[in-house]
Amino acid sequence: MYDMKNLGKLKALGEGSEKAMKAFWAFDQAALAEGAIPKKYKELMAIAVALTTQCPYCLEIHKDAAIAAGATQEELAEVTMVSAALRAGAAVVHGTHLMK
């Protein structure tokens, strides 16, 4: 199912819902733009979210953007471990719902 070529269909998707798609792209660009949080850090945050949601498209797009913004292999490794810790931590604390 996952194929980066699918991103070529975004144009058709946008044609089916032009107003919403334009609003989405504007929001996406604004959210990831350089601001109080530097672009590199925003891209690393996007990777962390993509790792937890397991979106291969987001991983590919934001990995490339993070590297272009100056992210190192060590930073990519650390963001992976932070994401893994939070995902595992969520399972642990949700386990409290199982206890009497």
N, C-alpha and C. Protein backbone atom coordinates (compact mmCIF):
# COMPACT_ATOMS: atom_id res chain seq x y z
N MET A 1 0.82 -1.19 0.00
CA MET A 1 0.00 0.00 0.00
C MET A 1 0.87 1.26 0.00
N TYR A 2 1.91 1.28 0.82
CA TYR A 2 2.78 2.45 0.90
C TYR A 2 3.63 2.55 -0.36
N ASP A 3 3.54 3.67 -1.02
CA ASP A 3 4.35 3.94 -2.19
C ASP A 3 4.43 5.46 -2.33
N MET A 4 5.63 6.00 -2.30
CA MET A 4 5.80 7.45 -2.38
C MET A 4 5.16 8.01 -3.65
N LYS A 5 4.96 7.19 -4.68
CA LYS A 5 4.29 7.64 -5.90
C LYS A 5 2.85 8.08 -5.61
N ASN A 6 2.26 7.55 -4.54
CA ASN A 6 0.90 7.95 -4.18
C ASN A 6 0.79 9.44 -3.92
N LEU A 7 1.89 10.06 -3.51
CA LEU A 7 1.87 11.50 -3.25
C LEU A 7 1.57 12.29 -4.51
N GLY A 8 1.82 11.69 -5.66
CA GLY A 8 1.47 12.32 -6.93
C GLY A 8 -0.03 12.49 -7.10
N LYS A 9 -0.80 11.76 -6.32
CA LYS A 9 -2.26 11.84 -6.39
C LYS A 9 -2.83 12.95 -5.52
N LEU A 10 -1.95 13.66 -4.81
CA LEU A 10 -2.43 14.76 -3.97
C LEU A 10 -3.12 15.84 -4.79
N LYS A 11 -2.67 16.05 -6.02
CA LYS A 11 -3.30 17.04 -6.88
C LYS A 11 -4.76 16.66 -7.12
N ALA A 12 -5.01 15.40 -7.44
CA ALA A 12 -6.38 14.94 -7.67
C ALA A 12 -7.22 15.07 -6.40
N LEU A 13 -6.62 14.78 -5.28
CA LEU A 13 -7.31 14.91 -4.01
C LEU A 13 -7.70 16.37 -3.77
N GLY A 14 -6.76 17.26 -4.05
CA GLY A 14 -7.02 18.69 -3.90
C GLY A 14 -8.09 19.20 -4.83
N GLU A 15 -8.14 18.65 -6.04
CA GLU A 15 -9.17 19.05 -6.99
C GLU A 15 -10.56 18.64 -6.50
N GLY A 16 -10.61 17.57 -5.72
CA GLY A 16 -11.89 17.12 -5.18
C GLY A 16 -12.35 17.93 -3.99
N SER A 17 -11.43 18.63 -3.35
CA SER A 17 -11.76 19.44 -2.18
C SER A 17 -10.78 20.61 -2.11
N GLU A 18 -10.88 21.47 -3.12
CA GLU A 18 -9.89 22.52 -3.32
C GLU A 18 -9.73 23.47 -2.14
N LYS A 19 -10.83 23.96 -1.62
CA LYS A 19 -10.76 24.93 -0.52
C LYS A 19 -10.10 24.33 0.72
N ALA A 20 -10.49 23.13 1.09
CA ALA A 20 -9.93 22.47 2.27
C ALA A 20 -8.45 22.14 2.06
N MET A 21 -8.09 21.70 0.86
CA MET A 21 -6.70 21.34 0.59
C MET A 21 -5.81 22.58 0.64
N LYS A 22 -6.26 23.68 0.06
CA LYS A 22 -5.48 24.91 0.13
C LYS A 22 -5.29 25.35 1.58
N ALA A 23 -6.34 25.23 2.38
CA ALA A 23 -6.24 25.59 3.80
C ALA A 23 -5.28 24.67 4.52
N PHE A 24 -5.32 23.37 4.20
CA PHE A 24 -4.41 22.42 4.82
C PHE A 24 -2.96 22.78 4.51
N TRP A 25 -2.65 23.03 3.23
CA TRP A 25 -1.27 23.33 2.85
C TRP A 25 -0.78 24.62 3.50
N ALA A 26 -1.66 25.61 3.59
CA ALA A 26 -1.27 26.87 4.24
C ALA A 26 -0.98 26.62 5.72
N PHE A 27 -1.82 25.84 6.38
CA PHE A 27 -1.61 25.50 7.78
C PHE A 27 -0.32 24.72 7.97
N ASP A 28 -0.10 23.72 7.13
CA ASP A 28 1.10 22.88 7.21
C ASP A 28 2.36 23.74 7.07
N GLN A 29 2.38 24.62 6.09
CA GLN A 29 3.54 25.48 5.88
C GLN A 29 3.76 26.42 7.06
N ALA A 30 2.67 26.98 7.60
CA ALA A 30 2.80 27.89 8.73
C ALA A 30 3.30 27.16 9.98
N ALA A 31 2.77 25.98 10.21
CA ALA A 31 3.15 25.22 11.41
C ALA A 31 4.62 24.82 11.39
N LEU A 32 5.15 24.52 10.21
CA LEU A 32 6.52 24.03 10.11
C LEU A 32 7.53 25.12 9.77
N ALA A 33 7.07 26.35 9.62
CA ALA A 33 7.97 27.45 9.28
C ALA A 33 8.87 27.81 10.47
N GLU A 34 9.99 28.40 10.15
CA GLU A 34 10.90 28.92 11.17
C GLU A 34 10.13 29.89 12.06
N GLY A 35 10.30 29.77 13.35
CA GLY A 35 9.61 30.65 14.29
C GLY A 35 10.34 30.65 15.61
N ALA A 36 9.60 30.72 16.71
CA ALA A 36 10.22 30.65 18.03
C ALA A 36 10.97 29.33 18.18
N ILE A 37 10.45 28.29 17.53
CA ILE A 37 11.13 26.99 17.49
C ILE A 37 11.81 26.90 16.12
N PRO A 38 13.11 26.65 16.10
CA PRO A 38 13.82 26.56 14.82
C PRO A 38 13.28 25.43 13.94
N LYS A 39 13.40 25.62 12.63
CA LYS A 39 12.90 24.65 11.64
C LYS A 39 13.43 23.24 11.92
N LYS A 40 14.69 23.10 12.24
CA LYS A 40 15.26 21.77 12.48
C LYS A 40 14.52 21.07 13.61
N TYR A 41 14.23 21.78 14.67
CA TYR A 41 13.54 21.17 15.81
C TYR A 41 12.10 20.82 15.45
N LYS A 42 11.46 21.66 14.66
CA LYS A 42 10.10 21.34 14.22
C LYS A 42 10.09 20.07 13.38
N GLU A 43 11.09 19.92 12.52
CA GLU A 43 11.17 18.71 11.70
C GLU A 43 11.47 17.48 12.55
N LEU A 44 12.30 17.63 13.57
CA LEU A 44 12.56 16.51 14.48
C LEU A 44 11.28 16.15 15.25
N MET A 45 10.50 17.15 15.65
CA MET A 45 9.21 16.86 16.30
C MET A 45 8.28 16.13 15.34
N ALA A 46 8.28 16.56 14.08
CA ALA A 46 7.44 15.90 13.09
C ALA A 46 7.85 14.44 12.93
N ILE A 47 9.15 14.18 12.96
CA ILE A 47 9.62 12.79 12.88
C ILE A 47 9.15 12.00 14.09
N ALA A 48 9.23 12.59 15.26
CA ALA A 48 8.79 11.89 16.48
C ALA A 48 7.32 11.51 16.37
N VAL A 49 6.50 12.44 15.90
CA VAL A 49 5.08 12.14 15.73
C VAL A 49 4.88 11.07 14.67
N ALA A 50 5.60 11.18 13.55
CA ALA A 50 5.47 10.19 12.49
C ALA A 50 5.90 8.80 12.94
N LEU A 51 6.91 8.74 13.81
CA LEU A 51 7.31 7.45 14.35
C LEU A 51 6.22 6.84 15.22
N THR A 52 5.54 7.67 16.00
CA THR A 52 4.50 7.12 16.88
C THR A 52 3.22 6.81 16.11
N THR A 53 2.93 7.59 15.06
CA THR A 53 1.74 7.29 14.24
C THR A 53 2.06 6.28 13.16
N GLN A 54 3.34 6.03 12.96
CA GLN A 54 3.86 5.08 11.98
C GLN A 54 3.44 5.43 10.55
N CYS A 55 3.56 6.71 10.20
CA CYS A 55 3.25 7.18 8.85
C CYS A 55 4.53 7.18 8.02
N PRO A 56 4.68 6.24 7.09
CA PRO A 56 5.90 6.18 6.30
C PRO A 56 6.09 7.40 5.40
N TYR A 57 5.00 7.98 4.94
CA TYR A 57 5.12 9.17 4.09
C TYR A 57 5.70 10.32 4.90
N CYS A 58 5.16 10.53 6.09
CA CYS A 58 5.66 11.61 6.95
C CYS A 58 7.11 11.37 7.34
N LEU A 59 7.45 10.13 7.62
CA LEU A 59 8.84 9.82 7.97
C LEU A 59 9.79 10.21 6.84
N GLU A 60 9.43 9.84 5.63
CA GLU A 60 10.30 10.14 4.49
C GLU A 60 10.40 11.64 4.25
N ILE A 61 9.27 12.32 4.25
CA ILE A 61 9.25 13.76 3.97
C ILE A 61 9.99 14.53 5.06
N HIS A 62 9.69 14.23 6.32
CA HIS A 62 10.28 15.02 7.41
C HIS A 62 11.73 14.62 7.71
N LYS A 63 12.12 13.39 7.39
CA LYS A 63 13.53 13.01 7.49
C LYS A 63 14.35 13.87 6.54
N ASP A 64 13.91 13.94 5.31
CA ASP A 64 14.64 14.75 4.32
C ASP A 64 14.67 16.22 4.73
N ALA A 65 13.54 16.73 5.21
CA ALA A 65 13.48 18.15 5.62
C ALA A 65 14.36 18.40 6.84
N ALA A 66 14.40 17.44 7.77
CA ALA A 66 15.24 17.60 8.96
C ALA A 66 16.71 17.62 8.58
N ILE A 67 17.10 16.73 7.70
CA ILE A 67 18.50 16.69 7.24
C ILE A 67 18.84 17.99 6.51
N ALA A 68 17.93 18.47 5.67
CA ALA A 68 18.16 19.73 4.96
C ALA A 68 18.28 20.90 5.94
N ALA A 69 17.60 20.78 7.09
CA ALA A 69 17.66 21.84 8.12
C ALA A 69 18.86 21.66 9.05
N GLY A 70 19.66 20.63 8.81
CA GLY A 70 20.88 20.45 9.59
C GLY A 70 20.86 19.34 10.61
N ALA A 71 19.82 18.52 10.64
CA ALA A 71 19.77 17.42 11.61
C ALA A 71 20.86 16.38 11.29
N THR A 72 21.45 15.86 12.34
CA THR A 72 22.50 14.85 12.20
C THR A 72 21.93 13.46 12.38
N GLN A 73 22.72 12.47 12.03
CA GLN A 73 22.31 11.07 12.24
C GLN A 73 22.10 10.80 13.73
N GLU A 74 22.93 11.41 14.57
CA GLU A 74 22.78 11.24 16.02
C GLU A 74 21.45 11.81 16.50
N GLU A 75 21.06 12.97 15.96
CA GLU A 75 19.77 13.55 16.34
C GLU A 75 18.61 12.69 15.87
N LEU A 76 18.72 12.13 14.67
CA LEU A 76 17.68 11.23 14.18
C LEU A 76 17.58 9.98 15.05
N ALA A 77 18.73 9.47 15.48
CA ALA A 77 18.73 8.31 16.37
C ALA A 77 18.08 8.66 17.71
N GLU A 78 18.42 9.81 18.26
CA GLU A 78 17.86 10.21 19.55
C GLU A 78 16.37 10.47 19.47
N VAL A 79 15.91 11.09 18.39
CA VAL A 79 14.47 11.33 18.27
C VAL A 79 13.73 10.00 18.17
N THR A 80 14.36 9.01 17.57
CA THR A 80 13.76 7.68 17.50
C THR A 80 13.61 7.08 18.90
N MET A 81 14.65 7.21 19.71
CA MET A 81 14.60 6.65 21.06
C MET A 81 13.61 7.40 21.96
N VAL A 82 13.52 8.72 21.80
CA VAL A 82 12.53 9.50 22.57
C VAL A 82 11.13 9.04 22.19
N SER A 83 10.88 8.86 20.90
CA SER A 83 9.57 8.39 20.43
C SER A 83 9.26 7.00 20.98
N ALA A 84 10.25 6.13 20.97
CA ALA A 84 10.06 4.77 21.49
C ALA A 84 9.76 4.80 22.98
N ALA A 85 10.47 5.65 23.71
CA ALA A 85 10.23 5.75 25.16
C ALA A 85 8.83 6.23 25.46
N LEU A 86 8.36 7.22 24.71
CA LEU A 86 7.01 7.74 24.95
C LEU A 86 5.95 6.74 24.56
N ARG A 87 6.18 6.03 23.46
CA ARG A 87 5.20 5.02 23.03
C ARG A 87 5.13 3.88 24.06
N ALA A 88 6.29 3.43 24.52
CA ALA A 88 6.31 2.39 25.53
C ALA A 88 5.74 2.89 26.85
N GLY A 89 6.09 4.12 27.20
CA GLY A 89 5.57 4.71 28.43
C GLY A 89 4.06 4.81 28.43
N ALA A 90 3.48 5.12 27.28
CA ALA A 90 2.03 5.19 27.18
C ALA A 90 1.40 3.82 27.46
N ALA A 91 2.02 2.77 26.97
CA ALA A 91 1.50 1.42 27.24
C ALA A 91 1.59 1.11 28.73
N VAL A 92 2.69 1.49 29.35
CA VAL A 92 2.86 1.23 30.78
C VAL A 92 1.82 1.96 31.61
N VAL A 93 1.65 3.25 31.37
CA VAL A 93 0.69 3.99 32.21
C VAL A 93 -0.75 3.60 31.89
N HIS A 94 -1.03 3.21 30.66
CA HIS A 94 -2.38 2.71 30.35
C HIS A 94 -2.63 1.37 31.03
N GLY A 95 -1.54 0.66 31.31
CA GLY A 95 -1.68 -0.60 32.04
C GLY A 95 -2.27 -0.41 33.43
N THR A 96 -2.19 0.80 33.98
CA THR A 96 -2.78 1.05 35.29
C THR A 96 -4.30 0.87 35.26
N HIS A 97 -4.89 1.01 34.08
CA HIS A 97 -6.35 0.82 33.96
C HIS A 97 -6.73 -0.66 34.16
N LEU A 98 -5.76 -1.54 34.06
CA LEU A 98 -6.01 -2.96 34.21
C LEU A 98 -5.93 -3.42 35.66
N MET A 99 -5.37 -2.61 36.50
CA MET A 99 -5.14 -2.97 37.90
C MET A 99 -6.36 -2.65 38.75
N LYS A 100 -6.58 -3.51 39.76
CA LYS A 100 -7.68 -3.27 40.71
C LYS A 100 -7.22 -2.36 41.80
